[in-house]
């Protein structure tokens, strides 16, 4: 997902079937294997009433973070 040659650790975040209106939504997190910083995420939405033409899911939304900031001691990804 990030546009470099590094191979990132990926984690797929899913939800239980009872989780709200869109339990089939998911995130794929891209983590830098050297610093363990979150570098990017991909989000797939499955809210049926918002999909065009009866599609089961929308195209992935991609977020890439280029920097981090420290907030009260916690290192956070920032755009």
N, C-alpha and C. Protein backbone atom coordinates (compact mmCIF):
# COMPACT_ATOMS: atom_id res chain seq x y z
N UNK A 1 0.81 -1.20 0.00
CA UNK A 1 0.00 0.00 0.00
C UNK A 1 0.86 1.26 0.00
N UNK A 2 1.77 1.46 0.97
CA UNK A 2 2.68 2.60 0.82
C UNK A 2 3.48 2.43 -0.47
N UNK A 3 3.83 3.52 -1.11
CA UNK A 3 4.48 3.47 -2.41
C UNK A 3 6.00 3.43 -2.29
N UNK A 4 6.52 2.39 -1.64
CA UNK A 4 7.95 2.18 -1.56
C UNK A 4 8.23 0.69 -1.66
N UNK A 5 9.50 0.32 -1.63
CA UNK A 5 9.87 -1.08 -1.84
C UNK A 5 9.83 -1.92 -0.56
N UNK A 6 9.55 -1.31 0.57
CA UNK A 6 9.55 -2.02 1.84
C UNK A 6 8.40 -3.02 1.92
N UNK A 7 8.64 -4.16 2.52
CA UNK A 7 7.59 -5.15 2.76
C UNK A 7 7.01 -4.90 4.15
N UNK A 8 5.74 -4.58 4.22
CA UNK A 8 5.09 -4.22 5.48
C UNK A 8 4.41 -5.41 6.13
N UNK A 9 4.30 -5.36 7.44
CA UNK A 9 3.50 -6.33 8.18
C UNK A 9 2.05 -5.90 7.98
N UNK A 10 1.16 -6.83 7.67
CA UNK A 10 -0.25 -6.48 7.50
C UNK A 10 -1.10 -7.20 8.53
N UNK A 11 -2.12 -6.50 8.98
CA UNK A 11 -3.08 -7.04 9.93
C UNK A 11 -4.47 -6.73 9.39
N UNK A 12 -5.31 -7.73 9.30
CA UNK A 12 -6.69 -7.51 8.84
C UNK A 12 -7.59 -7.41 10.06
N UNK A 13 -8.28 -6.29 10.19
CA UNK A 13 -9.18 -6.02 11.30
C UNK A 13 -10.60 -6.26 10.83
N UNK A 14 -11.29 -7.21 11.44
CA UNK A 14 -12.67 -7.55 11.07
C UNK A 14 -13.57 -7.37 12.29
N UNK A 15 -14.86 -7.56 12.09
CA UNK A 15 -15.85 -7.36 13.14
C UNK A 15 -16.75 -8.59 13.27
N UNK A 16 -17.29 -8.79 14.44
CA UNK A 16 -18.24 -9.89 14.64
C UNK A 16 -19.55 -9.57 13.92
N UNK A 17 -20.31 -10.61 13.62
CA UNK A 17 -21.56 -10.46 12.88
C UNK A 17 -22.55 -9.53 13.57
N UNK A 18 -22.47 -9.39 14.86
CA UNK A 18 -23.41 -8.55 15.61
C UNK A 18 -22.95 -7.09 15.70
N UNK A 19 -21.88 -6.73 15.01
CA UNK A 19 -21.31 -5.38 15.12
C UNK A 19 -22.01 -4.39 14.19
N UNK A 20 -23.05 -3.77 14.66
CA UNK A 20 -23.68 -2.68 13.94
C UNK A 20 -24.27 -3.05 12.58
N UNK A 21 -24.37 -2.02 11.72
CA UNK A 21 -25.00 -2.17 10.40
C UNK A 21 -24.08 -2.80 9.36
N UNK A 22 -22.79 -2.78 9.59
CA UNK A 22 -21.85 -3.21 8.56
C UNK A 22 -20.79 -4.18 9.11
N UNK A 23 -21.20 -5.34 9.59
CA UNK A 23 -20.23 -6.25 10.20
C UNK A 23 -19.22 -6.85 9.21
N UNK A 24 -19.47 -6.72 7.91
CA UNK A 24 -18.53 -7.25 6.94
C UNK A 24 -17.46 -6.23 6.52
N UNK A 25 -17.55 -5.01 7.04
CA UNK A 25 -16.51 -4.02 6.78
C UNK A 25 -15.19 -4.57 7.32
N UNK A 26 -14.09 -4.12 6.75
CA UNK A 26 -12.80 -4.51 7.32
C UNK A 26 -11.72 -3.48 6.98
N UNK A 27 -10.67 -3.53 7.77
CA UNK A 27 -9.49 -2.71 7.56
C UNK A 27 -8.30 -3.63 7.36
N UNK A 28 -7.37 -3.22 6.52
CA UNK A 28 -6.07 -3.86 6.46
C UNK A 28 -5.06 -2.80 6.88
N UNK A 29 -4.33 -3.07 7.94
CA UNK A 29 -3.35 -2.13 8.47
C UNK A 29 -1.96 -2.50 7.96
N UNK A 30 -1.20 -1.51 7.53
CA UNK A 30 0.17 -1.71 7.04
C UNK A 30 1.13 -1.13 8.07
N UNK A 31 1.93 -1.99 8.68
CA UNK A 31 2.80 -1.61 9.79
C UNK A 31 4.25 -1.75 9.37
N UNK A 32 5.04 -0.70 9.63
CA UNK A 32 6.47 -0.72 9.32
C UNK A 32 7.15 -1.77 10.21
N UNK A 33 7.83 -2.77 9.63
CA UNK A 33 8.42 -3.83 10.44
C UNK A 33 9.62 -3.36 11.26
N UNK A 34 10.20 -2.21 10.92
CA UNK A 34 11.36 -1.70 11.66
C UNK A 34 10.96 -0.84 12.85
N UNK A 35 9.98 0.03 12.64
CA UNK A 35 9.58 0.97 13.70
C UNK A 35 8.26 0.61 14.37
N UNK A 36 7.50 -0.32 13.78
CA UNK A 36 6.16 -0.71 14.24
C UNK A 36 5.16 0.44 14.16
N UNK A 37 5.44 1.42 13.32
CA UNK A 37 4.52 2.53 13.12
C UNK A 37 3.50 2.16 12.05
N UNK A 38 2.27 2.61 12.23
CA UNK A 38 1.22 2.43 11.23
C UNK A 38 1.52 3.37 10.07
N UNK A 39 1.70 2.81 8.88
CA UNK A 39 2.04 3.62 7.72
C UNK A 39 0.87 3.83 6.77
N UNK A 40 -0.07 2.88 6.74
CA UNK A 40 -1.20 3.00 5.83
C UNK A 40 -2.32 2.07 6.30
N UNK A 41 -3.52 2.34 5.80
CA UNK A 41 -4.64 1.44 6.05
C UNK A 41 -5.54 1.44 4.83
N UNK A 42 -6.22 0.34 4.66
CA UNK A 42 -7.18 0.16 3.57
C UNK A 42 -8.50 -0.20 4.24
N UNK A 43 -9.57 0.49 3.87
CA UNK A 43 -10.88 0.28 4.47
C UNK A 43 -11.85 -0.13 3.39
N UNK A 44 -12.58 -1.22 3.62
CA UNK A 44 -13.58 -1.67 2.67
C UNK A 44 -14.95 -1.59 3.33
N UNK A 45 -15.86 -0.85 2.69
CA UNK A 45 -17.20 -0.63 3.22
C UNK A 45 -18.18 -1.59 2.57
N UNK A 46 -19.10 -2.12 3.38
CA UNK A 46 -20.07 -3.10 2.86
C UNK A 46 -21.51 -2.71 3.17
N UNK A 47 -21.77 -1.44 3.32
CA UNK A 47 -23.12 -0.98 3.66
C UNK A 47 -23.99 -1.06 2.41
N UNK A 48 -24.82 -2.08 2.31
CA UNK A 48 -25.55 -2.43 1.08
C UNK A 48 -26.33 -1.26 0.49
N UNK A 49 -26.98 -0.45 1.31
CA UNK A 49 -27.81 0.62 0.76
C UNK A 49 -26.97 1.73 0.11
N UNK A 50 -25.67 1.74 0.36
CA UNK A 50 -24.80 2.75 -0.24
C UNK A 50 -24.05 2.23 -1.47
N UNK A 51 -24.18 0.95 -1.77
CA UNK A 51 -23.46 0.36 -2.89
C UNK A 51 -24.25 0.55 -4.19
N UNK A 52 -23.57 0.84 -5.26
CA UNK A 52 -24.22 1.03 -6.55
C UNK A 52 -24.43 -0.31 -7.24
N UNK A 53 -25.55 -0.48 -7.88
CA UNK A 53 -25.82 -1.65 -8.69
C UNK A 53 -25.83 -2.97 -7.94
N UNK A 54 -26.14 -2.95 -6.65
CA UNK A 54 -26.21 -4.18 -5.87
C UNK A 54 -24.87 -4.78 -5.50
N UNK A 55 -23.78 -4.03 -5.64
CA UNK A 55 -22.45 -4.54 -5.27
C UNK A 55 -22.42 -4.89 -3.78
N UNK A 56 -21.62 -5.89 -3.44
CA UNK A 56 -21.52 -6.31 -2.04
C UNK A 56 -20.60 -5.42 -1.24
N UNK A 57 -19.66 -4.75 -1.90
CA UNK A 57 -18.77 -3.86 -1.18
C UNK A 57 -18.30 -2.75 -2.10
N UNK A 58 -17.86 -1.68 -1.50
CA UNK A 58 -17.33 -0.56 -2.27
C UNK A 58 -15.85 -0.77 -2.53
N UNK A 59 -15.27 0.09 -3.34
CA UNK A 59 -13.83 0.00 -3.56
C UNK A 59 -13.09 0.38 -2.28
N UNK A 60 -11.88 -0.11 -2.09
CA UNK A 60 -11.15 0.22 -0.87
C UNK A 60 -10.86 1.72 -0.78
N UNK A 61 -10.96 2.25 0.43
CA UNK A 61 -10.49 3.61 0.72
C UNK A 61 -9.10 3.44 1.31
N UNK A 62 -8.14 4.21 0.83
CA UNK A 62 -6.76 4.05 1.26
C UNK A 62 -6.30 5.32 1.96
N UNK A 63 -5.66 5.14 3.11
CA UNK A 63 -5.09 6.24 3.88
C UNK A 63 -3.62 5.95 4.08
N UNK A 64 -2.74 6.89 3.72
CA UNK A 64 -1.30 6.73 3.92
C UNK A 64 -0.83 7.85 4.83
N UNK A 65 -0.09 7.48 5.87
CA UNK A 65 0.43 8.46 6.81
C UNK A 65 1.91 8.67 6.55
N UNK A 66 2.32 9.92 6.48
CA UNK A 66 3.71 10.25 6.17
C UNK A 66 4.51 10.66 7.39
N UNK A 67 3.84 10.91 8.50
CA UNK A 67 4.57 11.33 9.69
C UNK A 67 3.85 10.83 10.93
N UNK A 68 4.51 10.95 12.05
CA UNK A 68 3.90 10.60 13.33
C UNK A 68 4.00 11.79 14.27
N UNK A 69 3.11 11.86 15.21
CA UNK A 69 3.13 12.89 16.25
C UNK A 69 2.95 12.20 17.60
N UNK A 70 3.51 12.80 18.62
CA UNK A 70 3.38 12.26 19.97
C UNK A 70 2.29 13.05 20.69
N UNK A 71 1.28 12.36 21.19
CA UNK A 71 0.17 12.99 21.90
C UNK A 71 0.13 12.38 23.30
N UNK A 72 0.48 13.19 24.29
CA UNK A 72 0.51 12.74 25.68
C UNK A 72 1.22 11.40 25.83
N UNK A 73 2.38 11.28 25.16
CA UNK A 73 3.21 10.10 25.28
C UNK A 73 2.89 8.99 24.29
N UNK A 74 1.77 9.07 23.60
CA UNK A 74 1.37 8.04 22.64
C UNK A 74 1.78 8.46 21.24
N UNK A 75 2.52 7.62 20.52
CA UNK A 75 2.94 7.91 19.17
C UNK A 75 1.79 7.59 18.22
N UNK A 76 1.34 8.57 17.44
CA UNK A 76 0.19 8.41 16.56
C UNK A 76 0.57 8.76 15.12
N UNK A 77 0.00 8.02 14.18
CA UNK A 77 0.19 8.33 12.76
C UNK A 77 -0.59 9.59 12.44
N UNK A 78 -0.04 10.40 11.53
CA UNK A 78 -0.66 11.67 11.20
C UNK A 78 -0.56 11.91 9.70
N UNK A 79 -1.51 12.64 9.16
CA UNK A 79 -1.51 12.95 7.72
C UNK A 79 -0.89 14.27 7.49
